[in-house]
Amino acid sequence: MQFDDTFFDRFCMNLLDMFGGHCEIVVHDFTKGYEHTIVRIYNSLTNRKVGDSPTNKFFEALKWDEKKIEDIQPDQRRPDF
């Protein structure tokens, strides 16, 4: 994955500042398959690390039918979070 590391890191750190300490930001690169996709992780809350694969939630989302995907309002919480 090609990107400006300095800008990207600052951008993610600003997101963390905005959302607080209960936020984990994970950046994936899917260009080489699904085995080792994590290329950056900020404020790891799930103990994942660079080189790990996506969670099962990602693979479940791939199976979703478009009709099941709904717009979640900011004040709504999903029961699986």
PDB file of N, CA and C in Angstrom:
ATOM      1  N   MET A   1       0.849  -1.172   0.000  1.00  0.00           N
ATOM      2  CA  MET A   1       0.000   0.000   0.000  1.00  0.00           C
ATOM      3  C   MET A   1       0.892   1.233   0.000  1.00  0.00           C
ATOM      4  N   GLN A   2       0.633   2.143  -0.901  1.00  0.00           N
ATOM      5  CA  GLN A   2       1.406   3.362  -0.996  1.00  0.00           C
ATOM      6  C   GLN A   2       0.621   4.528  -0.404  1.00  0.00           C
ATOM      7  N   PHE A   3       1.180   5.171   0.604  1.00  0.00           N
ATOM      8  CA  PHE A   3       0.558   6.362   1.153  1.00  0.00           C
ATOM      9  C   PHE A   3       1.596   7.164   1.897  1.00  0.00           C
ATOM     10  N   ASP A   4       1.284   8.409   2.132  1.00  0.00           N
ATOM     11  CA  ASP A   4       2.169   9.306   2.863  1.00  0.00           C
ATOM     12  C   ASP A   4       2.048   8.964   4.352  1.00  0.00           C
ATOM     13  N   ASP A   5       3.075   8.315   4.884  1.00  0.00           N
ATOM     14  CA  ASP A   5       3.030   7.862   6.279  1.00  0.00           C
ATOM     15  C   ASP A   5       2.780   8.987   7.268  1.00  0.00           C
ATOM     16  N   THR A   6       3.429  10.107   7.082  1.00  0.00           N
ATOM     17  CA  THR A   6       3.294  11.211   8.026  1.00  0.00           C
ATOM     18  C   THR A   6       1.862  11.728   8.054  1.00  0.00           C
ATOM     19  N   PHE A   7       1.303  12.005   6.885  1.00  0.00           N
ATOM     20  CA  PHE A   7      -0.080  12.495   6.834  1.00  0.00           C
ATOM     21  C   PHE A   7      -1.038  11.447   7.391  1.00  0.00           C
ATOM     22  N   PHE A   8      -0.857  10.202   6.971  1.00  0.00           N
ATOM     23  CA  PHE A   8      -1.764   9.137   7.377  1.00  0.00           C
ATOM     24  C   PHE A   8      -1.734   8.938   8.888  1.00  0.00           C
ATOM     25  N   ASP A   9      -0.546   8.920   9.463  1.00  0.00           N
ATOM     26  CA  ASP A   9      -0.427   8.761  10.913  1.00  0.00           C
ATOM     27  C   ASP A   9      -1.086   9.926  11.652  1.00  0.00           C
ATOM     28  N   ARG A  10      -0.856  11.136  11.189  1.00  0.00           N
ATOM     29  CA  ARG A  10      -1.480  12.304  11.832  1.00  0.00           C
ATOM     30  C   ARG A  10      -2.995  12.241  11.714  1.00  0.00           C
ATOM     31  N   PHE A  11      -3.481  11.829  10.543  1.00  0.00           N
ATOM     32  CA  PHE A  11      -4.925  11.709  10.331  1.00  0.00           C
ATOM     33  C   PHE A  11      -5.538  10.720  11.327  1.00  0.00           C
ATOM     34  N   CYS A  12      -4.929   9.558  11.453  1.00  0.00           N
ATOM     35  CA  CYS A  12      -5.455   8.534  12.375  1.00  0.00           C
ATOM     36  C   CYS A  12      -5.354   8.984  13.824  1.00  0.00           C
ATOM     37  N   MET A  13      -4.276   9.658  14.180  1.00  0.00           N
ATOM     38  CA  MET A  13      -4.143  10.151  15.549  1.00  0.00           C
ATOM     39  C   MET A  13      -5.199  11.220  15.836  1.00  0.00           C
ATOM     40  N   ASN A  14      -5.533  12.043  14.849  1.00  0.00           N
ATOM     41  CA  ASN A  14      -6.605  13.027  15.034  1.00  0.00           C
ATOM     42  C   ASN A  14      -7.958  12.342  15.203  1.00  0.00           C
ATOM     43  N   LEU A  15      -8.185  11.264  14.473  1.00  0.00           N
ATOM     44  CA  LEU A  15      -9.422  10.499  14.670  1.00  0.00           C
ATOM     45  C   LEU A  15      -9.495   9.954  16.098  1.00  0.00           C
ATOM     46  N   LEU A  16      -8.383   9.457  16.593  1.00  0.00           N
ATOM     47  CA  LEU A  16      -8.360   8.957  17.975  1.00  0.00           C
ATOM     48  C   LEU A  16      -8.668  10.078  18.957  1.00  0.00           C
ATOM     49  N   ASP A  17      -8.086  11.249  18.720  1.00  0.00           N
ATOM     50  CA  ASP A  17      -8.373  12.387  19.603  1.00  0.00           C
ATOM     51  C   ASP A  17      -9.852  12.738  19.568  1.00  0.00           C
ATOM     52  N   MET A  18     -10.446  12.646  18.395  1.00  0.00           N
ATOM     53  CA  MET A  18     -11.847  13.007  18.241  1.00  0.00           C
ATOM     54  C   MET A  18     -12.777  11.983  18.905  1.00  0.00           C
ATOM     55  N   PHE A  19     -12.462  10.681  18.756  1.00  0.00           N
ATOM     56  CA  PHE A  19     -13.356   9.639  19.262  1.00  0.00           C
ATOM     57  C   PHE A  19     -12.994   9.135  20.651  1.00  0.00           C
ATOM     58  N   GLY A  20     -11.828   9.446  21.135  1.00  0.00           N
ATOM     59  CA  GLY A  20     -11.455   9.085  22.496  1.00  0.00           C
ATOM     60  C   GLY A  20     -10.757   7.742  22.609  1.00  0.00           C
ATOM     61  N   GLY A  21     -10.412   7.385  23.823  1.00  0.00           N
ATOM     62  CA  GLY A  21      -9.620   6.194  24.106  1.00  0.00           C
ATOM     63  C   GLY A  21     -10.324   4.872  23.887  1.00  0.00           C
ATOM     64  N   HIS A  22     -11.628   4.893  23.649  1.00  0.00           N
ATOM     65  CA  HIS A  22     -12.362   3.656  23.418  1.00  0.00           C
ATOM     66  C   HIS A  22     -12.520   3.366  21.935  1.00  0.00           C
ATOM     67  N   CYS A  23     -11.613   3.906  21.145  1.00  0.00           N
ATOM     68  CA  CYS A  23     -11.662   3.754  19.692  1.00  0.00           C
ATOM     69  C   CYS A  23     -10.393   3.051  19.220  1.00  0.00           C
ATOM     70  N   GLU A  24     -10.567   2.079  18.348  1.00  0.00           N
ATOM     71  CA  GLU A  24      -9.439   1.393  17.724  1.00  0.00           C
ATOM     72  C   GLU A  24      -9.524   1.644  16.219  1.00  0.00           C
ATOM     73  N   ILE A  25      -8.432   2.060  15.627  1.00  0.00           N
ATOM     74  CA  ILE A  25      -8.398   2.294  14.188  1.00  0.00           C
ATOM     75  C   ILE A  25      -7.460   1.270  13.572  1.00  0.00           C
ATOM     76  N   VAL A  26      -8.009   0.507  12.630  1.00  0.00           N
ATOM     77  CA  VAL A  26      -7.236  -0.541  11.969  1.00  0.00           C
ATOM     78  C   VAL A  26      -7.253  -0.278  10.469  1.00  0.00           C
ATOM     79  N   VAL A  27      -6.070  -0.287   9.859  1.00  0.00           N
ATOM     80  CA  VAL A  27      -5.942  -0.068   8.419  1.00  0.00           C
ATOM     81  C   VAL A  27      -5.548  -1.387   7.778  1.00  0.00           C
ATOM     82  N   HIS A  28      -6.327  -1.805   6.783  1.00  0.00           N
ATOM     83  CA  HIS A  28      -6.100  -3.072   6.095  1.00  0.00           C
ATOM     84  C   HIS A  28      -5.630  -2.838   4.659  1.00  0.00           C
ATOM     85  N   ASP A  29      -4.829  -3.740   4.163  1.00  0.00           N
ATOM     86  CA  ASP A  29      -4.426  -3.767   2.753  1.00  0.00           C
ATOM     87  C   ASP A  29      -4.865  -5.122   2.210  1.00  0.00           C
ATOM     88  N   PHE A  30      -5.888  -5.107   1.356  1.00  0.00           N
ATOM     89  CA  PHE A  30      -6.445  -6.347   0.817  1.00  0.00           C
ATOM     90  C   PHE A  30      -5.874  -6.708  -0.551  1.00  0.00           C
ATOM     91  N   THR A  31      -4.829  -6.030  -0.970  1.00  0.00           N
ATOM     92  CA  THR A  31      -4.285  -6.282  -2.311  1.00  0.00           C
ATOM     93  C   THR A  31      -3.547  -7.611  -2.412  1.00  0.00           C
ATOM     94  N   LYS A  32      -3.210  -8.212  -1.273  1.00  0.00           N
ATOM     95  CA  LYS A  32      -2.452  -9.468  -1.288  1.00  0.00           C
ATOM     96  C   LYS A  32      -3.209 -10.606  -0.618  1.00  0.00           C
ATOM     97  N   GLY A  33      -4.524 -10.517  -0.607  1.00  0.00           N
ATOM     98  CA  GLY A  33      -5.326 -11.574   0.003  1.00  0.00           C
ATOM     99  C   GLY A  33      -5.828 -11.177   1.373  1.00  0.00           C
ATOM    100  N   TYR A  34      -6.336 -12.186   2.101  1.00  0.00           N
ATOM    101  CA  TYR A  34      -6.980 -11.934   3.385  1.00  0.00           C
ATOM    102  C   TYR A  34      -6.209 -12.492   4.587  1.00  0.00           C
ATOM    103  N   GLU A  35      -5.058 -13.042   4.371  1.00  0.00           N
ATOM    104  CA  GLU A  35      -4.330 -13.687   5.472  1.00  0.00           C
ATOM    105  C   GLU A  35      -3.672 -12.701   6.440  1.00  0.00           C
ATOM    106  N   HIS A  36      -2.985 -11.707   5.923  1.00  0.00           N
ATOM    107  CA  HIS A  36      -2.216 -10.770   6.760  1.00  0.00           C
ATOM    108  C   HIS A  36      -2.491  -9.351   6.275  1.00  0.00           C
ATOM    109  N   THR A  37      -3.656  -8.832   6.580  1.00  0.00           N
ATOM    110  CA  THR A  37      -4.097  -7.571   5.979  1.00  0.00           C
ATOM    111  C   THR A  37      -3.797  -6.324   6.799  1.00  0.00           C
ATOM    112  N   ILE A  38      -3.611  -6.446   8.095  1.00  0.00           N
ATOM    113  CA  ILE A  38      -3.424  -5.257   8.928  1.00  0.00           C
ATOM    114  C   ILE A  38      -2.046  -4.659   8.682  1.00  0.00           C
ATOM    115  N   VAL A  39      -2.054  -3.388   8.224  1.00  0.00           N
ATOM    116  CA  VAL A  39      -0.788  -2.696   7.967  1.00  0.00           C
ATOM    117  C   VAL A  39      -0.535  -1.580   8.973  1.00  0.00           C
ATOM    118  N   ARG A  40      -1.575  -1.130   9.645  1.00  0.00           N
ATOM    119  CA  ARG A  40      -1.457  -0.135  10.700  1.00  0.00           C
ATOM    120  C   ARG A  40      -2.553  -0.398  11.721  1.00  0.00           C
ATOM    121  N   ILE A  41      -2.218  -0.160  12.980  1.00  0.00           N
ATOM    122  CA  ILE A  41      -3.236  -0.247  14.028  1.00  0.00           C
ATOM    123  C   ILE A  41      -2.919   0.809  15.077  1.00  0.00           C
ATOM    124  N   TYR A  42      -3.940   1.534  15.457  1.00  0.00           N
ATOM    125  CA  TYR A  42      -3.795   2.624  16.418  1.00  0.00           C
ATOM    126  C   TYR A  42      -4.696   2.340  17.606  1.00  0.00           C
ATOM    127  N   ASN A  43      -4.118   2.431  18.804  1.00  0.00           N
ATOM    128  CA  ASN A  43      -4.852   2.215  20.046  1.00  0.00           C
ATOM    129  C   ASN A  43      -5.518   0.837  20.063  1.00  0.00           C
ATOM    130  N   SER A  44      -4.711  -0.175  19.944  1.00  0.00           N
ATOM    131  CA  SER A  44      -5.225  -1.543  19.873  1.00  0.00           C
ATOM    132  C   SER A  44      -6.005  -1.907  21.134  1.00  0.00           C
ATOM    133  N   LEU A  45      -7.286  -2.138  20.950  1.00  0.00           N
ATOM    134  CA  LEU A  45      -8.147  -2.576  22.051  1.00  0.00           C
ATOM    135  C   LEU A  45      -8.421  -4.073  21.977  1.00  0.00           C
ATOM    136  N   THR A  46      -8.124  -4.671  20.828  1.00  0.00           N
ATOM    137  CA  THR A  46      -8.436  -6.077  20.596  1.00  0.00           C
ATOM    138  C   THR A  46      -7.182  -6.943  20.589  1.00  0.00           C
ATOM    139  N   ASN A  47      -6.047  -6.350  20.943  1.00  0.00           N
ATOM    140  CA  ASN A  47      -4.760  -7.053  20.984  1.00  0.00           C
ATOM    141  C   ASN A  47      -4.317  -7.568  19.615  1.00  0.00           C
ATOM    142  N   ARG A  48      -4.888  -7.033  18.543  1.00  0.00           N
ATOM    143  CA  ARG A  48      -4.404  -7.386  17.213  1.00  0.00           C
ATOM    144  C   ARG A  48      -3.134  -6.603  16.939  1.00  0.00           C
ATOM    145  N   LYS A  49      -2.385  -7.039  15.943  1.00  0.00           N
ATOM    146  CA  LYS A  49      -1.140  -6.360  15.610  1.00  0.00           C
ATOM    147  C   LYS A  49      -0.931  -6.367  14.097  1.00  0.00           C
ATOM    148  N   VAL A  50       0.029  -5.569  13.649  1.00  0.00           N
ATOM    149  CA  VAL A  50       0.356  -5.510  12.227  1.00  0.00           C
ATOM    150  C   VAL A  50       0.670  -6.915  11.737  1.00  0.00           C
ATOM    151  N   GLY A  51       0.089  -7.278  10.604  1.00  0.00           N
ATOM    152  CA  GLY A  51       0.281  -8.605  10.036  1.00  0.00           C
ATOM    153  C   GLY A  51      -0.853  -9.573  10.323  1.00  0.00           C
ATOM    154  N   ASP A  52      -1.739  -9.204  11.250  1.00  0.00           N
ATOM    155  CA  ASP A  52      -2.893 -10.063  11.550  1.00  0.00           C
ATOM    156  C   ASP A  52      -3.935  -9.967  10.438  1.00  0.00           C
ATOM    157  N   SER A  53      -4.907 -10.872  10.506  1.00  0.00           N
ATOM    158  CA  SER A  53      -5.984 -10.892   9.512  1.00  0.00           C
ATOM    159  C   SER A  53      -7.219 -10.182  10.062  1.00  0.00           C
ATOM    160  N   PRO A  54      -8.215  -9.921   9.208  1.00  0.00           N
ATOM    161  CA  PRO A  54      -9.456  -9.290   9.673  1.00  0.00           C
ATOM    162  C   PRO A  54     -10.202 -10.198  10.654  1.00  0.00           C
ATOM    163  N   THR A  55     -11.120  -9.602  11.386  1.00  0.00           N
ATOM    164  CA  THR A  55     -11.939 -10.382  12.315  1.00  0.00           C
ATOM    165  C   THR A  55     -13.043 -11.107  11.546  1.00  0.00           C
ATOM    166  N   ASN A  56     -13.739 -11.980  12.227  1.00  0.00           N
ATOM    167  CA  ASN A  56     -14.865 -12.691  11.625  1.00  0.00           C
ATOM    168  C   ASN A  56     -15.969 -11.736  11.194  1.00  0.00           C
ATOM    169  N   LYS A  57     -16.111 -10.614  11.880  1.00  0.00           N
ATOM    170  CA  LYS A  57     -17.134  -9.628  11.515  1.00  0.00           C
ATOM    171  C   LYS A  57     -16.944  -9.160  10.074  1.00  0.00           C
ATOM    172  N   PHE A  58     -15.715  -9.013   9.654  1.00  0.00           N
ATOM    173  CA  PHE A  58     -15.441  -8.603   8.273  1.00  0.00           C
ATOM    174  C   PHE A  58     -15.968  -9.644   7.294  1.00  0.00           C
ATOM    175  N   PHE A  59     -15.661 -10.908   7.557  1.00  0.00           N
ATOM    176  CA  PHE A  59     -16.095 -11.958   6.646  1.00  0.00           C
ATOM    177  C   PHE A  59     -17.611 -12.132   6.661  1.00  0.00           C
ATOM    178  N   GLU A  60     -18.237 -11.915   7.820  1.00  0.00           N
ATOM    179  CA  GLU A  60     -19.696 -11.955   7.891  1.00  0.00           C
ATOM    180  C   GLU A  60     -20.298 -10.826   7.051  1.00  0.00           C
ATOM    181  N   ALA A  61     -19.673  -9.656   7.089  1.00  0.00           N
ATOM    182  CA  ALA A  61     -20.166  -8.511   6.322  1.00  0.00           C
ATOM    183  C   ALA A  61     -20.084  -8.777   4.823  1.00  0.00           C
ATOM    184  N   LEU A  62     -19.102  -9.534   4.395  1.00  0.00           N
ATOM    185  CA  LEU A  62     -18.990  -9.862   2.970  1.00  0.00           C
ATOM    186  C   LEU A  62     -20.188 -10.674   2.481  1.00  0.00           C
ATOM    187  N   LYS A  63     -20.812 -11.408   3.388  1.00  0.00           N
ATOM    188  CA  LYS A  63     -21.938 -12.265   3.031  1.00  0.00           C
ATOM    189  C   LYS A  63     -23.277 -11.523   3.079  1.00  0.00           C
ATOM    190  N   TRP A  64     -23.313 -10.339   3.637  1.00  0.00           N
ATOM    191  CA  TRP A  64     -24.568  -9.599   3.804  1.00  0.00           C
ATOM    192  C   TRP A  64     -25.218  -9.309   2.469  1.00  0.00           C
ATOM    193  N   ASP A  65     -26.513  -9.366   2.494  1.00  0.00           N
ATOM    194  CA  ASP A  65     -27.303  -8.926   1.356  1.00  0.00           C
ATOM    195  C   ASP A  65     -27.479  -7.408   1.498  1.00  0.00           C
ATOM    196  N   GLU A  66     -27.466  -6.681   0.393  1.00  0.00           N
ATOM    197  CA  GLU A  66     -27.579  -5.226   0.477  1.00  0.00           C
ATOM    198  C   GLU A  66     -28.814  -4.776   1.244  1.00  0.00           C
ATOM    199  N   LYS A  67     -29.867  -5.543   1.202  1.00  0.00           N
ATOM    200  CA  LYS A  67     -31.091  -5.169   1.898  1.00  0.00           C
ATOM    201  C   LYS A  67     -30.907  -5.220   3.411  1.00  0.00           C
ATOM    202  N   LYS A  68     -29.958  -5.995   3.889  1.00  0.00           N
ATOM    203  CA  LYS A  68     -29.734  -6.114   5.324  1.00  0.00           C
ATOM    204  C   LYS A  68     -28.856  -4.987   5.867  1.00  0.00           C
ATOM    205  N   ILE A  69     -28.174  -4.290   4.993  1.00  0.00           N
ATOM    206  CA  ILE A  69     -27.306  -3.200   5.430  1.00  0.00           C
ATOM    207  C   ILE A  69     -28.169  -1.969   5.652  1.00  0.00           C
ATOM    208  N   GLU A  70     -28.083  -1.416   6.848  1.00  0.00           N
ATOM    209  CA  GLU A  70     -28.904  -0.274   7.179  1.00  0.00           C
ATOM    210  C   GLU A  70     -28.031   0.885   7.626  1.00  0.00           C
ATOM    211  N   ASP A  71     -28.559   2.072   7.475  1.00  0.00           N
ATOM    212  CA  ASP A  71     -27.852   3.265   7.897  1.00  0.00           C
ATOM    213  C   ASP A  71     -28.004   3.392   9.403  1.00  0.00           C
ATOM    214  N   ILE A  72     -26.894   3.388  10.117  1.00  0.00           N
ATOM    215  CA  ILE A  72     -26.916   3.495  11.571  1.00  0.00           C
ATOM    216  C   ILE A  72     -26.729   4.960  11.944  1.00  0.00           C
ATOM    217  N   GLN A  73     -27.663   5.504  12.699  1.00  0.00           N
ATOM    218  CA  GLN A  73     -27.558   6.877  13.149  1.00  0.00           C
ATOM    219  C   GLN A  73     -26.525   6.967  14.270  1.00  0.00           C
ATOM    220  N   PRO A  74     -25.871   8.121  14.433  1.00  0.00           N
ATOM    221  CA  PRO A  74     -24.811   8.255  15.439  1.00  0.00           C
ATOM    222  C   PRO A  74     -25.239   7.902  16.860  1.00  0.00           C
ATOM    223  N   ASP A  75     -26.512   8.092  17.205  1.00  0.00           N
ATOM    224  CA  ASP A  75     -26.942   7.814  18.571  1.00  0.00           C
ATOM    225  C   ASP A  75     -27.409   6.374  18.778  1.00  0.00           C
ATOM    226  N   GLN A  76     -27.387   5.572  17.715  1.00  0.00           N
ATOM    227  CA  GLN A  76     -27.782   4.165  17.849  1.00  0.00           C
ATOM    228  C   GLN A  76     -26.561   3.313  18.138  1.00  0.00           C
ATOM    229  N   ARG A  77     -26.744   2.267  18.904  1.00  0.00           N
ATOM    230  CA  ARG A  77     -25.659   1.344  19.190  1.00  0.00           C
ATOM    231  C   ARG A  77     -26.054  -0.032  18.704  1.00  0.00           C
ATOM    232  N   ARG A  78     -25.092  -0.715  18.122  1.00  0.00           N
ATOM    233  CA  ARG A  78     -25.358  -2.062  17.656  1.00  0.00           C
ATOM    234  C   ARG A  78     -25.120  -3.021  18.817  1.00  0.00           C
ATOM    235  N   PRO A  79     -25.951  -4.035  18.974  1.00  0.00           N
ATOM    236  CA  PRO A  79     -25.825  -4.940  20.124  1.00  0.00           C
ATOM    237  C   PRO A  79     -24.517  -5.724  20.141  1.00  0.00           C
ATOM    238  N   ASP A  80     -23.840  -5.872  18.989  1.00  0.00           N
ATOM    239  CA  ASP A  80     -22.605  -6.646  18.969  1.00  0.00           C
ATOM    240  C   ASP A  80     -21.371  -5.809  19.277  1.00  0.00           C
ATOM    241  N   PHE A  81     -21.545  -4.519  19.621  1.00  0.00           N
ATOM    242  CA  PHE A  81     -20.387  -3.675  19.950  1.00  0.00           C
ATOM    243  C   PHE A  81     -20.240  -3.531  21.436  1.00  0.00           C
TER     244      PHE A  81
END
